[in-house]
C-alpha atoms as a PDB file:
ATOM      1  CA  MET A   1       4.354 -15.506  15.637  1.00  0.00           C
ATOM      2  CA  CYS A   2       3.717 -18.905  13.594  1.00  0.00           C
ATOM      3  CA  ALA A   3       5.992 -19.743  10.768  1.00  0.00           C
ATOM      4  CA  PHE A   4       3.079 -18.661   7.628  1.00  0.00           C
ATOM      5  CA  TRP A   5       3.612 -14.907   9.192  1.00  0.00           C
ATOM      6  CA  GLN A   6       7.424 -15.356   9.627  1.00  0.00           C
ATOM      7  CA  HIS A   7       7.261 -16.374   5.650  1.00  0.00           C
ATOM      8  CA  ILE A   8       4.892 -13.750   4.276  1.00  0.00           C
ATOM      9  CA  LEU A   9       6.820 -10.902   6.202  1.00  0.00           C
ATOM     10  CA  SER A  10       9.577 -12.012   5.470  1.00  0.00           C
ATOM     11  CA  ARG A  11       8.669 -11.467   1.589  1.00  0.00           C
ATOM     12  CA  THR A  12       6.545  -9.111   1.389  1.00  0.00           C
ATOM     13  CA  GLY A  13       5.907  -6.791   4.329  1.00  0.00           C
ATOM     14  CA  ARG A  14       8.322  -5.854   7.808  1.00  0.00           C
ATOM     15  CA  ILE A  15       7.679  -6.104  11.438  1.00  0.00           C
ATOM     16  CA  LYS A  16       6.829  -2.086  12.721  1.00  0.00           C
ATOM     17  CA  ALA A  17       6.462  -1.227  16.793  1.00  0.00           C
ATOM     18  CA  ASP A  18       2.909  -0.852  16.480  1.00  0.00           C
ATOM     19  CA  GLY A  19       1.713  -3.716  14.179  1.00  0.00           C
ATOM     20  CA  LEU A  20       2.738  -5.434  10.346  1.00  0.00           C
ATOM     21  CA  VAL A  21       2.830  -3.825   7.300  1.00  0.00           C
ATOM     22  CA  ILE A  22       1.981  -6.292   4.604  1.00  0.00           C
ATOM     23  CA  LYS A  23       2.129  -5.124   0.888  1.00  0.00           C
ATOM     24  CA  THR A  24      -0.232  -6.661  -1.426  1.00  0.00           C
ATOM     25  CA  ASN A  25      -1.081  -6.719  -5.226  1.00  0.00           C
ATOM     26  CA  ASN A  26      -4.455  -4.714  -4.209  1.00  0.00           C
ATOM     27  CA  GLY A  27      -2.238  -2.314  -1.753  1.00  0.00           C
ATOM     28  CA  ILE A  28      -0.897  -2.377   1.893  1.00  0.00           C
ATOM     29  CA  ILE A  29      -1.970  -4.223   4.252  1.00  0.00           C
ATOM     30  CA  TRP A  30      -2.103  -2.395   7.967  1.00  0.00           C
ATOM     31  CA  ILE A  31      -2.316  -5.007  10.931  1.00  0.00           C
ATOM     32  CA  LYS A  32      -2.216  -3.325  14.283  1.00  0.00           C
ATOM     33  CA  LYS A  33      -1.378  -5.706  17.051  1.00  0.00           C
ATOM     34  CA  ASN A  34      -4.748  -6.467  19.105  1.00  0.00           C
ATOM     35  CA  SER A  35      -7.073  -5.266  16.524  1.00  0.00           C
ATOM     36  CA  PRO A  36      -8.966  -5.988  13.567  1.00  0.00           C
ATOM     37  CA  ARG A  37      -7.254  -5.755  10.254  1.00  0.00           C
ATOM     38  CA  GLN A  38      -6.944  -2.938   8.227  1.00  0.00           C
ATOM     39  CA  LYS A  39      -6.531  -2.398   4.591  1.00  0.00           C
ATOM     40  CA  LEU A  40      -5.361   1.201   2.896  1.00  0.00           C
ATOM     41  CA  SER A  41      -5.242   1.807   0.248  1.00  0.00           C
END
């Protein structure tokens, strides 16, 4: 994982077993591993 994502996750999200969860001003962005980004409200 690149330093950029490590920085973002350390501030706004967490790593889950099957993907990433990132909190943003617009809601929560769910990023599954090896799949396109999915945005959840």
